[in-house]
Amino acid sequence: MMDQRRIRYGRQYEEPTGTATLTCGYNLPCDYVIHMVGPIVYSVLNDELWQELRDCYESVLKCCVENEIRSVAFCCISTGEFHFPNDEAAEIAVETVVDFLKTSDEIERVIFNVFKEGDREIYEKLLCSGIC
């Protein structure tokens, strides 16, 4: 029996990790939504998973530039059900975004949207230690 999550539009499909897919925002308070599948940590966190998460952020940022999107909000990609440790995921996110913004002035605003108070504290510490 085929996994129902892998069926899309009548054919077998699995979205690759790190690929940014742009769609309209429809009824959301934004023009676009960029969909992203982050890496899943099944057992041990390793360099490959770190790179895959970096690729996720870079892919979204490049998609923004290519589509003249000047602001973007990121959730905590791959944390929660995908088991990437929150502190390490935040470190990758901030480092990747800061490095990208050093080479591109086309994005004016990046928001790290968090759900948990602990995540807010992690991001504030990272951002203030390097930028404030």
N, C-alpha and C. Protein backbone atom coordinates (compact mmCIF):
# COMPACT_ATOMS: atom_id res chain seq x y z
N MET A 1 0.84 -1.19 0.00
CA MET A 1 0.00 0.00 0.00
C MET A 1 0.88 1.25 0.00
N MET A 2 0.63 2.16 -0.91
CA MET A 2 1.43 3.37 -1.06
C MET A 2 1.11 4.36 0.06
N ASP A 3 2.14 4.98 0.61
CA ASP A 3 1.98 5.99 1.65
C ASP A 3 1.18 7.17 1.08
N GLN A 4 0.05 7.48 1.70
CA GLN A 4 -0.84 8.52 1.19
C GLN A 4 -0.20 9.91 1.21
N ARG A 5 0.77 10.14 2.08
CA ARG A 5 1.44 11.44 2.11
C ARG A 5 2.28 11.68 0.88
N ARG A 6 2.63 10.62 0.17
CA ARG A 6 3.50 10.74 -0.99
C ARG A 6 2.72 10.85 -2.29
N ILE A 7 1.41 10.88 -2.20
CA ILE A 7 0.60 11.02 -3.42
C ILE A 7 0.23 12.49 -3.57
N ARG A 8 0.53 13.02 -4.74
CA ARG A 8 0.22 14.42 -5.02
C ARG A 8 -0.24 14.50 -6.46
N TYR A 9 -1.41 15.01 -6.65
CA TYR A 9 -1.97 15.16 -7.99
C TYR A 9 -2.00 13.84 -8.75
N GLY A 10 -2.32 12.75 -8.07
CA GLY A 10 -2.49 11.47 -8.73
C GLY A 10 -1.21 10.73 -9.06
N ARG A 11 -0.06 11.20 -8.59
CA ARG A 11 1.19 10.51 -8.86
C ARG A 11 2.02 10.47 -7.58
N GLN A 12 2.95 9.55 -7.55
CA GLN A 12 3.81 9.44 -6.37
C GLN A 12 4.77 10.62 -6.38
N TYR A 13 4.91 11.28 -5.23
CA TYR A 13 5.76 12.46 -5.17
C TYR A 13 6.29 12.63 -3.75
N GLU A 14 7.56 12.95 -3.63
CA GLU A 14 8.15 13.28 -2.35
C GLU A 14 8.97 14.55 -2.53
N GLU A 15 8.61 15.60 -1.80
CA GLU A 15 9.31 16.88 -1.90
C GLU A 15 10.72 16.73 -1.34
N PRO A 16 11.73 17.12 -2.10
CA PRO A 16 13.10 16.98 -1.61
C PRO A 16 13.40 17.97 -0.48
N THR A 17 14.27 17.58 0.41
CA THR A 17 14.71 18.45 1.50
C THR A 17 15.43 19.66 0.91
N GLY A 18 15.10 20.83 1.43
CA GLY A 18 15.82 22.04 1.06
C GLY A 18 15.33 22.76 -0.17
N THR A 19 14.28 22.29 -0.79
CA THR A 19 13.76 22.94 -1.99
C THR A 19 12.69 23.96 -1.61
N ALA A 20 12.84 25.18 -2.06
CA ALA A 20 11.86 26.23 -1.80
C ALA A 20 10.81 26.22 -2.90
N THR A 21 9.55 26.12 -2.52
CA THR A 21 8.45 26.13 -3.48
C THR A 21 7.55 27.32 -3.17
N LEU A 22 7.42 28.23 -4.10
CA LEU A 22 6.65 29.46 -3.93
C LEU A 22 5.22 29.27 -4.39
N THR A 23 4.26 29.67 -3.53
CA THR A 23 2.85 29.70 -3.92
C THR A 23 2.27 31.04 -3.51
N CYS A 24 1.09 31.35 -4.01
CA CYS A 24 0.39 32.57 -3.61
C CYS A 24 -0.03 32.45 -2.15
N GLY A 25 -0.21 33.60 -1.50
CA GLY A 25 -0.63 33.62 -0.11
C GLY A 25 -2.13 33.45 0.06
N TYR A 26 -2.88 33.58 -1.03
CA TYR A 26 -4.34 33.44 -1.02
C TYR A 26 -4.96 34.25 0.11
N ASN A 27 -5.59 33.64 1.09
CA ASN A 27 -6.29 34.39 2.14
C ASN A 27 -5.42 34.73 3.34
N LEU A 28 -4.15 34.43 3.27
CA LEU A 28 -3.24 34.77 4.36
C LEU A 28 -2.84 36.24 4.23
N PRO A 29 -2.37 36.84 5.30
CA PRO A 29 -1.97 38.26 5.25
C PRO A 29 -0.57 38.44 4.66
N CYS A 30 -0.32 37.81 3.52
CA CYS A 30 0.96 37.92 2.83
C CYS A 30 0.71 37.65 1.34
N ASP A 31 1.65 38.05 0.52
CA ASP A 31 1.50 37.82 -0.92
C ASP A 31 1.85 36.40 -1.32
N TYR A 32 2.84 35.83 -0.62
CA TYR A 32 3.35 34.50 -0.99
C TYR A 32 3.59 33.65 0.24
N VAL A 33 3.64 32.35 0.01
CA VAL A 33 4.10 31.39 1.01
C VAL A 33 5.20 30.58 0.33
N ILE A 34 6.32 30.44 1.02
CA ILE A 34 7.40 29.61 0.50
C ILE A 34 7.42 28.34 1.34
N HIS A 35 7.14 27.24 0.69
CA HIS A 35 7.08 25.94 1.37
C HIS A 35 8.46 25.31 1.38
N MET A 36 8.78 24.64 2.47
CA MET A 36 10.11 24.08 2.65
C MET A 36 10.02 22.80 3.46
N VAL A 37 10.71 21.77 3.01
CA VAL A 37 10.85 20.55 3.80
C VAL A 37 12.25 20.56 4.39
N GLY A 38 12.31 20.58 5.70
CA GLY A 38 13.61 20.57 6.38
C GLY A 38 14.08 19.16 6.66
N PRO A 39 15.33 19.03 7.08
CA PRO A 39 15.87 17.71 7.39
C PRO A 39 15.25 17.13 8.66
N ILE A 40 15.14 15.82 8.69
CA ILE A 40 14.61 15.11 9.85
C ILE A 40 15.76 14.42 10.56
N VAL A 41 15.85 14.62 11.86
CA VAL A 41 16.89 13.98 12.66
C VAL A 41 16.30 12.69 13.21
N TYR A 42 16.72 11.57 12.63
CA TYR A 42 16.21 10.27 13.07
C TYR A 42 16.98 9.72 14.26
N SER A 43 18.27 9.99 14.32
CA SER A 43 19.06 9.47 15.44
C SER A 43 20.11 10.50 15.87
N VAL A 44 21.22 10.56 15.17
CA VAL A 44 22.33 11.43 15.56
C VAL A 44 22.41 12.63 14.63
N LEU A 45 22.55 13.80 15.23
CA LEU A 45 22.75 15.02 14.44
C LEU A 45 24.16 14.99 13.87
N ASN A 46 24.29 15.25 12.56
CA ASN A 46 25.60 15.19 11.92
C ASN A 46 25.79 16.36 10.96
N ASP A 47 26.97 16.43 10.36
CA ASP A 47 27.30 17.55 9.46
C ASP A 47 26.36 17.63 8.25
N GLU A 48 25.94 16.49 7.75
CA GLU A 48 25.03 16.47 6.60
C GLU A 48 23.70 17.15 6.94
N LEU A 49 23.17 16.86 8.13
CA LEU A 49 21.92 17.49 8.55
C LEU A 49 22.10 18.99 8.78
N TRP A 50 23.25 19.38 9.34
CA TRP A 50 23.55 20.80 9.50
C TRP A 50 23.54 21.50 8.14
N GLN A 51 24.20 20.89 7.16
CA GLN A 51 24.26 21.49 5.82
C GLN A 51 22.89 21.53 5.17
N GLU A 52 22.10 20.49 5.33
CA GLU A 52 20.76 20.48 4.76
C GLU A 52 19.90 21.61 5.34
N LEU A 53 20.05 21.87 6.64
CA LEU A 53 19.28 22.97 7.24
C LEU A 53 19.78 24.32 6.72
N ARG A 54 21.09 24.47 6.59
CA ARG A 54 21.63 25.70 5.97
C ARG A 54 21.06 25.88 4.56
N ASP A 55 21.03 24.79 3.80
CA ASP A 55 20.51 24.84 2.44
C ASP A 55 19.05 25.30 2.42
N CYS A 56 18.28 24.90 3.42
CA CYS A 56 16.88 25.32 3.49
C CYS A 56 16.78 26.84 3.57
N TYR A 57 17.52 27.42 4.49
CA TYR A 57 17.46 28.87 4.65
C TYR A 57 17.99 29.59 3.41
N GLU A 58 19.09 29.10 2.86
CA GLU A 58 19.63 29.72 1.65
C GLU A 58 18.66 29.62 0.48
N SER A 59 18.01 28.49 0.34
CA SER A 59 17.06 28.28 -0.75
C SER A 59 15.89 29.26 -0.66
N VAL A 60 15.39 29.46 0.53
CA VAL A 60 14.29 30.42 0.72
C VAL A 60 14.76 31.84 0.41
N LEU A 61 15.92 32.20 0.91
CA LEU A 61 16.44 33.55 0.65
C LEU A 61 16.68 33.80 -0.83
N LYS A 62 17.23 32.81 -1.52
CA LYS A 62 17.43 32.93 -2.97
C LYS A 62 16.10 33.04 -3.70
N CYS A 63 15.11 32.29 -3.26
CA CYS A 63 13.77 32.37 -3.84
C CYS A 63 13.20 33.77 -3.67
N CYS A 64 13.43 34.36 -2.51
CA CYS A 64 12.97 35.73 -2.26
C CYS A 64 13.62 36.70 -3.24
N VAL A 65 14.91 36.60 -3.40
CA VAL A 65 15.62 37.50 -4.31
C VAL A 65 15.13 37.32 -5.74
N GLU A 66 15.01 36.06 -6.17
CA GLU A 66 14.57 35.78 -7.54
C GLU A 66 13.16 36.31 -7.82
N ASN A 67 12.33 36.39 -6.80
CA ASN A 67 10.94 36.82 -6.98
C ASN A 67 10.67 38.21 -6.42
N GLU A 68 11.76 38.96 -6.15
CA GLU A 68 11.68 40.34 -5.67
C GLU A 68 10.84 40.46 -4.41
N ILE A 69 10.98 39.50 -3.53
CA ILE A 69 10.32 39.52 -2.22
C ILE A 69 11.27 40.19 -1.25
N ARG A 70 10.85 41.28 -0.63
CA ARG A 70 11.74 42.10 0.18
C ARG A 70 11.74 41.75 1.66
N SER A 71 10.75 40.97 2.11
CA SER A 71 10.72 40.55 3.51
C SER A 71 10.26 39.11 3.60
N VAL A 72 10.76 38.42 4.63
CA VAL A 72 10.44 37.01 4.80
C VAL A 72 10.39 36.69 6.29
N ALA A 73 9.49 35.79 6.66
CA ALA A 73 9.41 35.31 8.03
C ALA A 73 9.69 33.81 8.04
N PHE A 74 10.58 33.41 8.91
CA PHE A 74 10.94 32.00 9.05
C PHE A 74 10.35 31.44 10.34
N CYS A 75 9.83 30.23 10.27
CA CYS A 75 9.51 29.49 11.49
C CYS A 75 10.78 28.76 11.89
N CYS A 76 10.72 28.00 12.94
CA CYS A 76 11.89 27.22 13.40
C CYS A 76 11.95 25.94 12.58
N ILE A 77 12.55 26.00 11.41
CA ILE A 77 12.58 24.88 10.47
C ILE A 77 13.24 23.65 11.11
N SER A 78 12.57 22.53 11.00
CA SER A 78 13.05 21.20 11.41
C SER A 78 13.06 20.94 12.91
N THR A 79 12.63 21.89 13.71
CA THR A 79 12.53 21.62 15.14
C THR A 79 11.18 20.93 15.40
N GLY A 80 10.89 20.62 16.62
CA GLY A 80 9.63 19.95 16.93
C GLY A 80 9.62 18.53 16.41
N GLU A 81 8.65 18.20 15.59
CA GLU A 81 8.47 16.83 15.08
C GLU A 81 9.63 16.32 14.25
N PHE A 82 10.45 17.23 13.71
CA PHE A 82 11.61 16.80 12.91
C PHE A 82 12.86 16.62 13.77
N HIS A 83 12.77 16.94 15.06
CA HIS A 83 13.77 16.61 16.09
C HIS A 83 15.11 17.31 15.97
N PHE A 84 15.20 18.39 15.21
CA PHE A 84 16.45 19.15 15.19
C PHE A 84 16.50 19.94 16.50
N PRO A 85 17.61 19.87 17.26
CA PRO A 85 17.69 20.62 18.52
C PRO A 85 17.48 22.12 18.29
N ASN A 86 16.63 22.72 19.09
CA ASN A 86 16.24 24.12 18.89
C ASN A 86 17.42 25.08 18.90
N ASP A 87 18.35 24.89 19.84
CA ASP A 87 19.47 25.82 19.92
C ASP A 87 20.39 25.72 18.71
N GLU A 88 20.64 24.52 18.25
CA GLU A 88 21.51 24.36 17.07
C GLU A 88 20.80 24.81 15.80
N ALA A 89 19.50 24.56 15.70
CA ALA A 89 18.75 25.03 14.53
C ALA A 89 18.73 26.56 14.47
N ALA A 90 18.57 27.19 15.62
CA ALA A 90 18.57 28.66 15.66
C ALA A 90 19.94 29.21 15.28
N GLU A 91 21.00 28.57 15.74
CA GLU A 91 22.34 29.00 15.39
C GLU A 91 22.56 28.94 13.88
N ILE A 92 22.12 27.85 13.27
CA ILE A 92 22.24 27.71 11.81
C ILE A 92 21.41 28.77 11.11
N ALA A 93 20.19 28.99 11.58
CA ALA A 93 19.30 29.96 10.95
C ALA A 93 19.90 31.36 10.98
N VAL A 94 20.32 31.80 12.14
CA VAL A 94 20.85 33.16 12.28
C VAL A 94 22.14 33.31 11.48
N GLU A 95 23.04 32.35 11.62
CA GLU A 95 24.31 32.42 10.90
C GLU A 95 24.10 32.47 9.38
N THR A 96 23.22 31.63 8.88
CA THR A 96 22.97 31.56 7.44
C THR A 96 22.34 32.85 6.93
N VAL A 97 21.36 33.36 7.65
CA VAL A 97 20.69 34.60 7.23
C VAL A 97 21.66 35.78 7.30
N VAL A 98 22.41 35.91 8.37
CA VAL A 98 23.36 37.02 8.49
C VAL A 98 24.40 36.95 7.38
N ASP A 99 24.93 35.78 7.12
CA ASP A 99 25.91 35.63 6.03
C ASP A 99 25.31 36.00 4.68
N PHE A 100 24.07 35.59 4.44
CA PHE A 100 23.41 35.90 3.17
C PHE A 100 23.20 37.41 3.03
N LEU A 101 22.76 38.04 4.09
CA LEU A 101 22.50 39.48 4.03
C LEU A 101 23.77 40.31 3.84
N LYS A 102 24.90 39.75 4.19
CA LYS A 102 26.18 40.44 3.96
C LYS A 102 26.49 40.55 2.47
N THR A 103 25.93 39.63 1.68
CA THR A 103 26.23 39.61 0.25
C THR A 103 25.06 40.08 -0.61
N SER A 104 23.94 40.38 0.02
CA SER A 104 22.75 40.78 -0.74
C SER A 104 22.01 41.88 0.00
N ASP A 105 21.68 42.93 -0.72
CA ASP A 105 20.90 44.01 -0.09
C ASP A 105 19.46 44.02 -0.60
N GLU A 106 19.06 42.96 -1.25
CA GLU A 106 17.73 42.91 -1.85
C GLU A 106 16.64 42.54 -0.85
N ILE A 107 17.02 41.96 0.27
CA ILE A 107 16.03 41.62 1.31
C ILE A 107 16.16 42.66 2.41
N GLU A 108 15.04 43.29 2.73
CA GLU A 108 15.05 44.37 3.72
C GLU A 108 14.73 43.90 5.13
N ARG A 109 13.97 42.83 5.24
CA ARG A 109 13.50 42.43 6.57
C ARG A 109 13.40 40.91 6.67
N VAL A 110 13.98 40.36 7.74
CA VAL A 110 13.88 38.93 8.04
C VAL A 110 13.33 38.80 9.45
N ILE A 111 12.30 38.02 9.59
CA ILE A 111 11.67 37.78 10.89
C ILE A 111 11.86 36.32 11.26
N PHE A 112 12.30 36.07 12.48
CA PHE A 112 12.32 34.71 13.01
C PHE A 112 11.09 34.57 13.89
N ASN A 113 10.11 33.87 13.38
CA ASN A 113 8.82 33.70 14.06
C ASN A 113 8.89 32.46 14.94
N VAL A 114 8.74 32.64 16.24
CA VAL A 114 8.84 31.53 17.17
C VAL A 114 7.53 31.34 17.92
N PHE A 115 7.32 30.13 18.39
CA PHE A 115 6.11 29.80 19.13
C PHE A 115 6.38 29.72 20.63
N LYS A 116 7.55 29.22 20.99
CA LYS A 116 7.89 29.00 22.39
C LYS A 116 8.76 30.13 22.94
N GLU A 117 8.55 30.43 24.21
CA GLU A 117 9.35 31.43 24.90
C GLU A 117 10.84 31.06 24.88
N GLY A 118 11.15 29.78 25.03
CA GLY A 118 12.54 29.34 25.01
C GLY A 118 13.21 29.62 23.68
N ASP A 119 12.46 29.46 22.59
CA ASP A 119 13.02 29.76 21.27
C ASP A 119 13.26 31.26 21.12
N ARG A 120 12.35 32.07 21.62
CA ARG A 120 12.55 33.53 21.57
C ARG A 120 13.84 33.91 22.28
N GLU A 121 14.07 33.32 23.43
CA GLU A 121 15.28 33.62 24.19
C GLU A 121 16.54 33.19 23.43
N ILE A 122 16.49 32.04 22.79
CA ILE A 122 17.64 31.56 22.00
C ILE A 122 17.95 32.54 20.88
N TYR A 123 16.92 32.93 20.12
CA TYR A 123 17.14 33.86 18.99
C TYR A 123 17.61 35.22 19.48
N GLU A 124 17.02 35.73 20.53
CA GLU A 124 17.45 37.04 21.04
C GLU A 124 18.91 37.01 21.46
N LYS A 125 19.32 35.94 22.14
CA LYS A 125 20.71 35.82 22.56
C LYS A 125 21.65 35.78 21.36
N LEU A 126 21.29 34.98 20.36
CA LEU A 126 22.14 34.88 19.16
C LEU A 126 22.20 36.20 18.42
N LEU A 127 21.06 36.84 18.23
CA LEU A 127 21.02 38.08 17.46
C LEU A 127 21.71 39.22 18.20
N CYS A 128 21.50 39.31 19.49
CA CYS A 128 22.11 40.39 20.26
C CYS A 128 23.61 40.20 20.46
N SER A 129 24.06 38.96 20.49
CA SER A 129 25.50 38.73 20.68
C SER A 129 26.29 39.11 19.44
N GLY A 130 25.65 39.06 18.26
CA GLY A 130 26.37 39.34 17.03
C GLY A 130 26.01 40.65 16.37
N ILE A 131 24.86 41.23 16.75
CA ILE A 131 24.39 42.40 16.02
C ILE A 131 24.18 43.61 16.92
N CYS A 132 23.62 43.40 18.10
CA CYS A 132 23.28 44.54 18.98
C CYS A 132 24.49 45.28 19.49
